[in-house]
């Protein structure tokens, strides 16, 4: 059974989300401030399938909680907040959130996005060792680690998934819609500019290292491809 941690200092919001999660057959943990959210997560991390995380909470804000969760876990995190500025959304995604929903929101939409994220998570029996080496690039997607020349590259969870998808299908050109469907799912309420933004940030981080044997290429009018430019 899926279990969700709902962290929000507004009791009405936690009740609505808990009611919807219960209708899905999910178990719920509730926290009303950031410190409590981290305590509950650390105690029950092996049971929690996804986290609904408010940004503006007492004691510790949602950004800090998300960073702390990401230090030890890749559990999906959906940030739910009244702060709708692009800078806040980008910060949330950059520190490892899987999605970002602005209040007021539809609880049904939150659950739809949660279902979409969980559908893309590999089931335990499907997990096997998945490592890829191309020239000086190594991707260990099971442990969400990317290195170039042995140095770890600081990428978000989504950027690592994007790089893995492209690099493990190096002969395929992915359209923006392909990437949206593969990484965000059909229930994603966004547009293709999301892909472009992630590609731009991914390239900037990769380009901080020398990588003459491979590159993430734009195929104009089509999409993106991982190109191997010399034999590894």
Protein backbone atom coordinates (compact mmCIF):
# COMPACT_ATOMS: atom_id res chain seq x y z
CA UNK A 1 0.00 0.00 0.00
CA UNK A 2 1.28 3.46 -0.85
CA UNK A 3 1.81 5.79 2.10
CA UNK A 4 2.07 9.57 1.84
CA UNK A 5 3.62 12.11 4.19
CA UNK A 6 1.52 15.31 4.16
CA UNK A 7 3.42 18.26 5.65
CA UNK A 8 1.47 21.53 5.95
CA UNK A 9 0.71 23.82 8.89
CA UNK A 10 -2.85 24.35 7.63
CA UNK A 11 -5.01 21.67 9.24
CA UNK A 12 -7.79 22.14 6.68
CA UNK A 13 -5.41 21.43 3.80
CA UNK A 14 -3.95 18.35 5.48
CA UNK A 15 -7.48 17.04 6.11
CA UNK A 16 -8.55 17.49 2.47
CA UNK A 17 -5.40 15.81 1.15
CA UNK A 18 -5.68 13.01 3.71
CA UNK A 19 -9.33 12.40 2.73
CA UNK A 20 -8.40 12.15 -0.95
CA UNK A 21 -5.41 9.93 -0.22
CA UNK A 22 -7.57 7.67 1.93
CA UNK A 23 -10.05 7.33 -0.95
CA UNK A 24 -7.11 6.10 -3.06
CA UNK A 25 -6.45 3.47 -0.42
CA UNK A 26 -3.24 5.16 0.73
CA UNK A 27 -1.99 5.39 4.28
CA UNK A 28 -1.09 8.86 5.61
CA UNK A 29 1.39 10.48 7.95
CA UNK A 30 0.71 14.11 8.93
CA UNK A 31 3.17 16.81 10.01
CA UNK A 32 2.37 20.46 10.83
CA UNK A 33 5.88 21.96 10.76
CA UNK A 34 9.17 21.32 9.02
CA UNK A 35 10.96 19.74 11.96
CA UNK A 36 8.08 17.33 12.56
CA UNK A 37 8.03 16.49 8.84
CA UNK A 38 11.71 15.50 8.93
CA UNK A 39 11.27 13.52 12.15
CA UNK A 40 8.34 11.56 10.69
CA UNK A 41 10.14 11.01 7.40
CA UNK A 42 13.28 9.69 9.07
CA UNK A 43 11.28 7.37 11.30
CA UNK A 44 9.08 5.97 8.52
CA UNK A 45 11.17 6.55 5.39
CA UNK A 46 11.03 2.90 4.35
CA UNK A 47 7.23 3.05 4.31
CA UNK A 48 6.66 6.47 2.70
CA UNK A 49 6.02 6.35 -1.06
CA UNK A 50 5.60 10.08 -1.72
CA UNK A 51 5.72 13.42 0.14
CA UNK A 52 3.33 16.39 -0.18
CA UNK A 53 5.36 19.29 1.17
CA UNK A 54 4.26 22.87 1.94
CA UNK A 55 6.92 25.57 1.54
CA UNK A 56 5.89 28.09 4.21
CA UNK A 57 5.95 26.02 7.40
CA UNK A 58 7.02 26.90 10.97
CA UNK A 59 10.44 25.87 12.36
CA UNK A 60 11.86 24.69 9.01
CA UNK A 61 10.62 25.67 5.55
CA UNK A 62 9.76 23.23 2.80
CA UNK A 63 12.88 23.97 0.75
CA UNK A 64 15.07 23.01 3.72
CA UNK A 65 13.02 19.87 4.34
CA UNK A 66 13.26 18.85 0.68
CA UNK A 67 17.06 19.31 0.72
CA UNK A 68 17.32 17.18 3.85
CA UNK A 69 15.16 14.44 2.33
CA UNK A 70 17.23 14.47 -0.86
CA UNK A 71 20.42 13.99 1.13
CA UNK A 72 19.35 10.44 1.91
CA UNK A 73 16.39 9.50 -0.31
CA UNK A 74 14.97 9.76 -3.83
CA UNK A 75 11.36 9.44 -2.65
CA UNK A 76 9.08 11.59 -4.85
CA UNK A 77 8.32 15.05 -3.43
CA UNK A 78 5.48 17.32 -4.56
CA UNK A 79 5.80 20.86 -3.21
CA UNK A 80 2.50 22.65 -2.51
CA UNK A 81 2.71 26.36 -1.82
CA UNK A 82 1.12 29.79 -2.12
CA UNK A 83 4.39 31.08 -3.61
CA UNK A 84 3.90 30.92 -7.37
CA UNK A 85 6.84 32.97 -8.61
CA UNK A 86 8.98 31.30 -11.27
CA UNK A 87 12.11 31.69 -9.11
CA UNK A 88 10.49 29.70 -6.31
CA UNK A 89 9.35 26.99 -8.70
CA UNK A 90 12.83 26.71 -10.21
CA UNK A 91 14.39 26.56 -6.75
CA UNK A 92 12.00 23.81 -5.71
CA UNK A 93 12.76 21.74 -8.79
CA UNK A 94 16.49 22.39 -8.58
CA UNK A 95 16.74 21.12 -5.01
CA UNK A 96 15.04 17.89 -6.01
CA UNK A 97 11.25 18.28 -5.97
CA UNK A 98 9.44 16.20 -8.58
CA UNK A 99 6.56 18.64 -9.01
CA UNK A 100 5.41 22.04 -7.76
CA UNK A 101 1.75 22.98 -7.24
CA UNK A 102 0.52 26.48 -6.38
CA UNK A 103 -2.34 27.16 -3.95
CA UNK A 104 -5.27 27.29 -4.30
CA UNK A 105 -5.22 23.85 -5.86
CA UNK A 106 -7.51 20.97 -6.71
CA UNK A 107 -6.89 18.00 -4.42
CA UNK A 108 -7.94 15.75 -7.30
CA UNK A 109 -5.17 17.30 -9.43
CA UNK A 110 -2.62 16.73 -6.66
CA UNK A 111 -3.59 13.07 -6.53
CA UNK A 112 -3.48 12.78 -10.33
CA UNK A 113 0.06 14.13 -10.36
CA UNK A 114 1.03 11.82 -7.50
CA UNK A 115 -0.35 8.80 -9.36
CA UNK A 116 1.56 9.83 -12.50
CA UNK A 117 4.83 10.11 -10.56
CA UNK A 118 4.34 6.76 -8.81
CA UNK A 119 3.52 5.01 -12.10
CA UNK A 120 6.95 6.04 -13.37
CA UNK A 121 8.75 4.70 -10.30
CA UNK A 122 10.27 1.25 -10.93
CA UNK A 123 8.75 -1.54 -8.90
CA UNK A 124 11.16 -3.30 -6.56
CA UNK A 125 11.18 -6.49 -8.63
CA UNK A 126 12.03 -4.48 -11.74
CA UNK A 127 15.11 -2.83 -10.23
CA UNK A 128 18.43 -4.17 -11.45
CA UNK A 129 21.91 -2.70 -11.65
CA UNK A 130 21.76 0.07 -14.23
CA UNK A 131 25.06 1.73 -14.95
CA UNK A 132 26.24 3.32 -18.16
CA UNK A 133 29.71 4.48 -19.12
CA UNK A 134 30.37 6.62 -22.19
CA UNK A 135 33.90 7.98 -22.44
CA UNK A 136 34.55 9.92 -19.23
CA UNK A 137 30.85 9.90 -18.25
CA UNK A 138 29.44 7.39 -15.77
CA UNK A 139 25.74 7.25 -14.86
CA UNK A 140 24.58 5.01 -12.01
CA UNK A 141 20.84 5.58 -12.11
CA UNK A 142 20.10 3.12 -9.28
CA UNK A 143 22.10 5.30 -6.90
CA UNK A 144 21.37 8.54 -8.78
CA UNK A 145 25.05 9.30 -9.27
CA UNK A 146 26.65 10.96 -12.29
CA UNK A 147 30.41 11.46 -12.59
CA UNK A 148 32.69 12.91 -15.27
CA UNK A 149 36.36 11.93 -15.01
CA UNK A 150 35.53 10.55 -11.58
CA UNK A 151 34.12 13.84 -10.28
CA UNK A 152 30.50 13.85 -9.18
CA UNK A 153 28.26 16.20 -11.14
CA UNK A 154 25.69 18.05 -9.04
CA UNK A 155 22.45 17.35 -10.90
CA UNK A 156 18.86 17.31 -9.70
CA UNK A 157 16.93 14.06 -9.67
CA UNK A 158 15.04 15.05 -12.83
CA UNK A 159 18.25 16.09 -14.63
CA UNK A 160 19.81 12.71 -13.84
CA UNK A 161 16.73 10.92 -15.15
CA UNK A 162 16.79 13.06 -18.30
CA UNK A 163 20.49 12.37 -18.92
CA UNK A 164 20.00 8.64 -18.30
CA UNK A 165 17.08 8.45 -20.73
CA UNK A 166 19.01 10.22 -23.49
CA UNK A 167 22.34 8.45 -22.92
CA UNK A 168 20.83 4.95 -22.67
CA UNK A 169 19.07 5.53 -26.01
CA UNK A 170 21.88 7.29 -27.84
CA UNK A 171 20.61 6.38 -31.32
CA UNK A 172 17.16 7.84 -30.69
CA UNK A 173 16.02 11.42 -31.19
CA UNK A 174 13.49 12.41 -28.51
CA UNK A 175 10.90 15.06 -29.28
CA UNK A 176 9.88 17.37 -26.45
CA UNK A 177 6.58 15.51 -26.19
CA UNK A 178 8.46 12.19 -25.97
CA UNK A 179 10.47 13.52 -23.04
CA UNK A 180 7.43 15.02 -21.32
CA UNK A 181 5.59 11.71 -21.58
CA UNK A 182 8.60 9.63 -20.46
CA UNK A 183 9.70 11.74 -17.50
CA UNK A 184 6.67 13.77 -16.45
CA UNK A 185 3.88 11.50 -17.67
CA UNK A 186 0.66 12.08 -19.54
CA UNK A 187 -0.90 13.70 -16.48
CA UNK A 188 1.69 16.49 -16.42
CA UNK A 189 0.02 19.90 -16.55
CA UNK A 190 2.80 21.77 -18.31
CA UNK A 191 4.23 22.37 -21.76
CA UNK A 192 7.31 21.66 -23.81
CA UNK A 193 9.18 24.68 -22.43
CA UNK A 194 9.69 22.61 -19.29
CA UNK A 195 11.87 20.24 -21.32
CA UNK A 196 13.86 23.08 -22.85
CA UNK A 197 14.53 24.60 -19.41
CA UNK A 198 15.75 21.29 -18.01
CA UNK A 199 17.96 20.64 -21.04
CA UNK A 200 19.48 24.12 -20.72
CA UNK A 201 20.32 23.64 -17.05
CA UNK A 202 21.61 20.10 -17.65
CA UNK A 203 23.94 21.26 -20.42
CA UNK A 204 25.27 24.13 -18.32
CA UNK A 205 26.23 21.72 -15.54
CA UNK A 206 27.76 19.16 -17.92
CA UNK A 207 29.68 21.84 -19.81
CA UNK A 208 31.54 22.74 -16.63
CA UNK A 209 33.57 19.58 -17.41
CA UNK A 210 35.51 18.59 -20.51
CA UNK A 211 33.61 15.93 -22.43
CA UNK A 212 34.94 15.69 -26.00
CA UNK A 213 33.53 12.21 -26.64
CA UNK A 214 29.83 12.92 -26.16
CA UNK A 215 27.25 15.69 -25.99
CA UNK A 216 23.54 16.42 -25.60
CA UNK A 217 22.62 17.70 -29.05
CA UNK A 218 19.67 19.70 -30.32
CA UNK A 219 18.16 18.28 -33.49
CA UNK A 220 16.51 21.40 -34.85
CA UNK A 221 12.82 21.04 -35.53
CA UNK A 222 12.74 17.61 -33.88
CA UNK A 223 14.12 17.48 -30.34
CA UNK A 224 17.19 16.19 -28.52
CA UNK A 225 19.67 13.33 -28.79
CA UNK A 226 22.66 12.07 -26.84
CA UNK A 227 25.47 11.98 -29.40
CA UNK A 228 28.67 9.97 -29.06
CA UNK A 229 31.26 11.83 -31.08
CA UNK A 230 34.16 9.44 -30.66
CA UNK A 231 34.66 5.84 -29.62
CA UNK A 232 34.70 5.65 -25.80
